[in-house]
Amino acid sequence: MLDLGRMGWHEAFLLQQRMVEERKRGEGCDQLLLVEHPHVVTMGRNASEKQVLASREILRRSGIQFFETDRGGGATYHGPGQIVGYPILDLGDWKRDVRLYFQALEQFLIDALATFGIAARRNPEKGHQGVWVGNAKIAAIGVHISRWITSHGFALNVENDLSYFQYIVPCGLSKPVCSLRSLGCAAPLEEVKAALEASFADTFGYSGQESEGRRPKTEARIQEPGPALRARL
């Protein structure tokens, strides 16, 4: 795991691109990047302008940046107190299956949240990807895959200000969002990051290896079926 701390969205995107190109050349190693972003709204490939409820000028005045991106999914928000994860993985070293990869991301988040007594789940409704607690979404997932190298990933609400979601229709769904804090969990960010790293290593088969320079030893563990993901390969 590489903890980037607080970093701008575009800077982190350029870092992902460099790492993806390295993996395409057979260089570098699989890596999980964790980062907090300043306030930003991003639009995935499946997003529509209707999912952003404020003009660019209002977003700017509110201190919120705006970017269009190549990941799957709709509009989402990132901000301080939210943990954003970018797995840079070569699925050719794991299993060339986009659907299973998406399910594995959901599973490792569900398992990490269980560490804190939070009963998270998948939502079986069509178009309701991500991780949910009850009827509220706690983690969004949107990925990009090129020549089986992954980028983008997930955003887990920990202690971020949920009022910022008022500027968008998260992933095109008129559903509430929640966070660890709103659910009464006071675990600090560093503790949540440690739980994410451990669960990621377990789910993707990196257990017992160093957190950097890892290559998978086993196939990802999937406990239940999840929704198919449309990704550009």
Protein backbone atom coordinates (compact mmCIF):
# COMPACT_ATOMS: atom_id res chain seq x y z
CA MET A 1 0.00 0.00 0.00
CA LEU A 2 1.17 3.51 -0.80
CA ASP A 3 -0.43 6.24 1.33
CA LEU A 4 -0.38 9.48 -0.66
CA GLY A 5 -1.87 11.57 2.13
CA ARG A 6 -3.73 14.67 0.88
CA MET A 7 -3.29 15.10 -2.88
CA GLY A 8 -5.21 16.89 -5.62
CA TRP A 9 -7.38 14.73 -7.84
CA HIS A 10 -5.61 15.58 -11.09
CA GLU A 11 -2.17 15.02 -9.58
CA ALA A 12 -3.26 11.58 -8.38
CA PHE A 13 -4.75 10.83 -11.81
CA LEU A 14 -1.44 11.61 -13.53
CA LEU A 15 0.35 9.36 -11.02
CA GLN A 16 -2.05 6.54 -11.83
CA GLN A 17 -1.43 6.98 -15.54
CA ARG A 18 2.33 6.73 -15.06
CA MET A 19 1.98 3.60 -12.95
CA VAL A 20 -0.44 2.02 -15.44
CA GLU A 21 2.02 2.58 -18.28
CA GLU A 22 4.77 0.97 -16.21
CA ARG A 23 2.61 -2.10 -15.58
CA LYS A 24 1.78 -2.33 -19.30
CA ARG A 25 5.53 -2.49 -19.98
CA GLY A 26 5.88 -5.25 -17.40
CA GLU A 27 7.60 -2.91 -14.96
CA GLY A 28 6.73 -1.91 -11.41
CA CYS A 29 4.38 -3.95 -9.25
CA ASP A 30 0.76 -4.23 -8.22
CA GLN A 31 -0.08 -1.43 -5.83
CA LEU A 32 -2.93 0.00 -3.78
CA LEU A 33 -2.83 3.80 -3.58
CA LEU A 34 -4.79 5.45 -0.77
CA VAL A 35 -5.42 9.18 -0.83
CA GLU A 36 -7.60 11.99 0.48
CA HIS A 37 -8.63 14.60 -2.09
CA PRO A 38 -9.58 18.24 -1.62
CA HIS A 39 -13.22 18.87 -2.52
CA VAL A 40 -13.84 17.66 -6.07
CA VAL A 41 -16.68 16.34 -8.25
CA THR A 42 -15.79 13.88 -10.98
CA MET A 43 -17.87 12.60 -13.87
CA GLY A 44 -17.45 9.02 -15.06
CA ARG A 45 -18.09 7.73 -18.57
CA ASN A 46 -21.69 6.82 -17.74
CA ALA A 47 -22.53 10.16 -16.11
CA SER A 48 -24.92 12.77 -17.48
CA GLU A 49 -24.94 16.50 -16.83
CA LYS A 50 -28.20 16.03 -14.91
CA GLN A 51 -26.22 14.28 -12.18
CA VAL A 52 -24.48 17.57 -11.28
CA LEU A 53 -27.01 19.82 -9.54
CA ALA A 54 -24.88 22.97 -9.40
CA SER A 55 -23.29 25.06 -12.11
CA ARG A 56 -19.52 25.05 -12.55
CA GLU A 57 -19.48 28.57 -11.13
CA ILE A 58 -21.32 27.54 -7.96
CA LEU A 59 -18.96 24.60 -7.55
CA ARG A 60 -15.98 26.93 -7.96
CA ARG A 61 -17.33 29.40 -5.39
CA SER A 62 -17.88 26.50 -2.98
CA GLY A 63 -14.24 25.44 -3.37
CA ILE A 64 -15.09 22.33 -5.37
CA GLN A 65 -13.07 21.36 -8.42
CA PHE A 66 -14.65 19.53 -11.36
CA PHE A 67 -13.15 16.92 -13.69
CA GLU A 68 -14.40 14.52 -16.34
CA THR A 69 -12.64 11.18 -16.23
CA ASP A 70 -12.33 7.82 -17.96
CA ARG A 71 -13.60 5.61 -15.16
CA GLY A 72 -16.91 3.81 -15.28
CA GLY A 73 -19.89 5.05 -13.30
CA GLY A 74 -21.60 8.40 -12.86
CA ALA A 75 -20.94 11.56 -10.89
CA THR A 76 -19.30 11.33 -7.49
CA TYR A 77 -17.79 13.56 -4.84
CA HIS A 78 -14.45 13.29 -3.06
CA GLY A 79 -13.28 15.35 -0.11
CA PRO A 80 -11.27 15.47 3.11
CA GLY A 81 -12.09 12.64 5.51
CA GLN A 82 -12.99 10.25 2.69
CA ILE A 83 -10.54 7.48 1.79
CA VAL A 84 -10.13 7.04 -1.95
CA GLY A 85 -8.37 3.91 -3.19
CA TYR A 86 -6.73 3.34 -6.56
CA PRO A 87 -5.63 -0.28 -7.14
CA ILE A 88 -3.08 -0.49 -9.97
CA LEU A 89 -3.25 -4.19 -10.73
CA ASP A 90 -2.36 -6.44 -13.64
CA LEU A 91 -5.39 -8.70 -13.93
CA GLY A 92 -3.36 -10.89 -16.25
CA ASP A 93 -1.48 -11.96 -13.09
CA TRP A 94 -4.77 -12.61 -11.30
CA LYS A 95 -7.79 -13.49 -13.41
CA ARG A 96 -8.97 -11.82 -16.61
CA ASP A 97 -12.53 -11.28 -15.46
CA VAL A 98 -13.89 -7.75 -15.03
CA ARG A 99 -17.01 -8.91 -13.21
CA LEU A 100 -15.04 -10.87 -10.63
CA TYR A 101 -12.66 -7.95 -10.14
CA PHE A 102 -15.57 -5.62 -9.39
CA GLN A 103 -17.04 -8.16 -6.96
CA ALA A 104 -13.66 -8.50 -5.25
CA LEU A 105 -13.53 -4.74 -4.68
CA GLU A 106 -16.97 -4.86 -3.10
CA GLN A 107 -15.99 -7.86 -0.98
CA PHE A 108 -12.82 -6.40 0.46
CA LEU A 109 -14.66 -3.23 1.46
CA ILE A 110 -17.45 -5.24 3.08
CA ASP A 111 -14.89 -7.26 5.04
CA ALA A 112 -12.95 -4.17 6.10
CA LEU A 113 -16.11 -2.51 7.40
CA ALA A 114 -17.00 -5.67 9.34
CA THR A 115 -13.82 -5.02 11.35
CA PHE A 116 -15.66 -2.05 12.88
CA GLY A 117 -18.92 -3.89 13.42
CA ILE A 118 -20.58 -2.39 10.34
CA ALA A 119 -22.80 -4.83 8.43
CA ALA A 120 -22.25 -3.60 4.89
CA ARG A 121 -23.63 -5.37 1.84
CA ARG A 122 -24.02 -5.40 -1.91
CA ASN A 123 -27.26 -4.03 -3.33
CA PRO A 124 -28.85 -6.53 -5.74
CA GLU A 125 -30.90 -3.85 -7.51
CA LYS A 126 -29.80 -3.16 -11.07
CA GLY A 127 -27.46 -0.19 -11.28
CA HIS A 128 -26.86 -0.05 -7.52
CA GLN A 129 -23.17 -0.96 -7.54
CA GLY A 130 -20.92 -0.20 -4.61
CA VAL A 131 -21.25 -0.97 -0.91
CA TRP A 132 -24.30 -0.16 1.17
CA VAL A 133 -25.40 -0.08 4.80
CA GLY A 134 -29.15 -0.46 4.88
CA ASN A 135 -30.52 1.87 2.22
CA ALA A 136 -27.54 4.24 2.28
CA LYS A 137 -24.37 4.06 0.21
CA ILE A 138 -21.10 4.12 2.10
CA ALA A 139 -18.65 3.34 -0.72
CA ALA A 140 -18.73 4.05 -4.44
CA ILE A 141 -16.79 2.03 -7.02
CA GLY A 142 -15.76 3.07 -10.52
CA VAL A 143 -12.90 1.53 -12.47
CA HIS A 144 -11.03 1.73 -15.74
CA ILE A 145 -9.23 -1.23 -17.31
CA SER A 146 -6.82 -1.00 -20.23
CA ARG A 147 -4.97 -4.10 -21.49
CA TRP A 148 -6.00 -5.71 -18.17
CA ILE A 149 -4.29 -3.02 -16.05
CA THR A 150 -6.68 -1.41 -13.57
CA SER A 151 -6.94 2.18 -12.43
CA HIS A 152 -9.41 4.31 -10.44
CA GLY A 153 -11.22 2.27 -7.79
CA PHE A 154 -13.30 3.16 -4.74
CA ALA A 155 -14.26 5.98 -2.37
CA LEU A 156 -15.15 5.12 1.23
CA ASN A 157 -16.93 7.70 3.37
CA VAL A 158 -15.22 7.79 6.76
CA GLU A 159 -15.44 11.21 8.41
CA ASN A 160 -16.10 13.47 5.43
CA ASP A 161 -18.81 16.14 5.41
CA LEU A 162 -21.75 14.41 3.72
CA SER A 163 -23.48 17.73 2.98
CA TYR A 164 -21.23 18.11 -0.08
CA PHE A 165 -23.16 15.32 -1.79
CA GLN A 166 -26.00 17.85 -2.17
CA TYR A 167 -24.26 19.14 -5.31
CA ILE A 168 -24.69 15.85 -7.20
CA VAL A 169 -26.93 12.84 -7.71
CA PRO A 170 -24.37 10.25 -6.54
CA CYS A 171 -23.83 7.74 -9.35
CA GLY A 172 -27.21 8.79 -10.74
CA LEU A 173 -29.12 7.34 -7.77
CA SER A 174 -31.51 9.33 -5.59
CA LYS A 175 -30.42 7.43 -2.50
CA PRO A 176 -28.91 8.64 0.79
CA VAL A 177 -25.23 8.34 1.61
CA CYS A 178 -23.66 7.49 4.94
CA SER A 179 -20.21 7.34 6.53
CA LEU A 180 -18.51 5.53 9.37
CA ARG A 181 -18.98 8.66 11.49
CA SER A 182 -22.68 8.97 10.69
CA LEU A 183 -23.06 5.32 11.75
CA GLY A 184 -21.43 6.05 15.10
CA CYS A 185 -17.98 4.61 14.34
CA ALA A 186 -15.21 6.89 15.61
CA ALA A 187 -12.26 4.91 14.21
CA PRO A 188 -9.50 7.30 13.01
CA LEU A 189 -8.52 7.39 9.37
CA GLU A 190 -5.23 5.57 9.98
CA GLU A 191 -7.06 2.66 11.61
CA VAL A 192 -9.48 2.45 8.70
CA LYS A 193 -6.59 2.50 6.22
CA ALA A 194 -4.93 -0.37 8.09
CA ALA A 195 -8.17 -2.38 7.93
CA LEU A 196 -8.46 -1.67 4.20
CA GLU A 197 -4.90 -2.79 3.55
CA ALA A 198 -5.35 -6.04 5.49
CA SER A 199 -8.66 -6.84 3.81
CA PHE A 200 -7.29 -5.99 0.36
CA ALA A 201 -4.32 -8.31 0.89
CA ASP A 202 -6.59 -11.09 2.09
CA THR A 203 -9.19 -10.74 -0.68
CA PHE A 204 -6.68 -10.46 -3.51
CA GLY A 205 -4.29 -13.08 -2.17
CA TYR A 206 -1.35 -10.92 -1.09
CA SER A 207 -1.33 -12.18 2.49
CA GLY A 208 2.09 -12.83 3.96
CA GLN A 209 3.89 -10.59 1.48
CA GLU A 210 5.34 -7.12 1.83
CA SER A 211 2.87 -4.29 1.16
CA GLU A 212 5.01 -3.08 -1.74
CA GLY A 213 6.28 -5.15 -4.64
CA ARG A 214 3.44 -7.62 -4.25
CA ARG A 215 2.18 -10.13 -6.74
CA PRO A 216 -0.95 -12.21 -6.14
CA LYS A 217 -0.55 -15.74 -4.81
CA THR A 218 -4.17 -16.87 -5.04
CA GLU A 219 -7.39 -15.94 -6.77
CA ALA A 220 -9.58 -13.36 -5.12
CA ARG A 221 -12.09 -14.63 -2.60
CA ILE A 222 -15.68 -13.89 -3.60
CA GLN A 223 -18.49 -14.85 -1.24
CA GLU A 224 -21.58 -13.99 -3.27
CA PRO A 225 -22.52 -12.86 -6.77
CA GLY A 226 -22.58 -9.17 -7.63
CA PRO A 227 -23.60 -6.98 -10.55
CA ALA A 228 -21.81 -7.11 -13.87
CA LEU A 229 -19.70 -4.09 -14.72
CA ARG A 230 -19.40 -2.50 -18.12
CA ALA A 231 -15.76 -1.47 -18.50
CA ARG A 232 -13.80 -0.39 -21.50
CA LEU A 233 -11.01 -2.91 -22.19
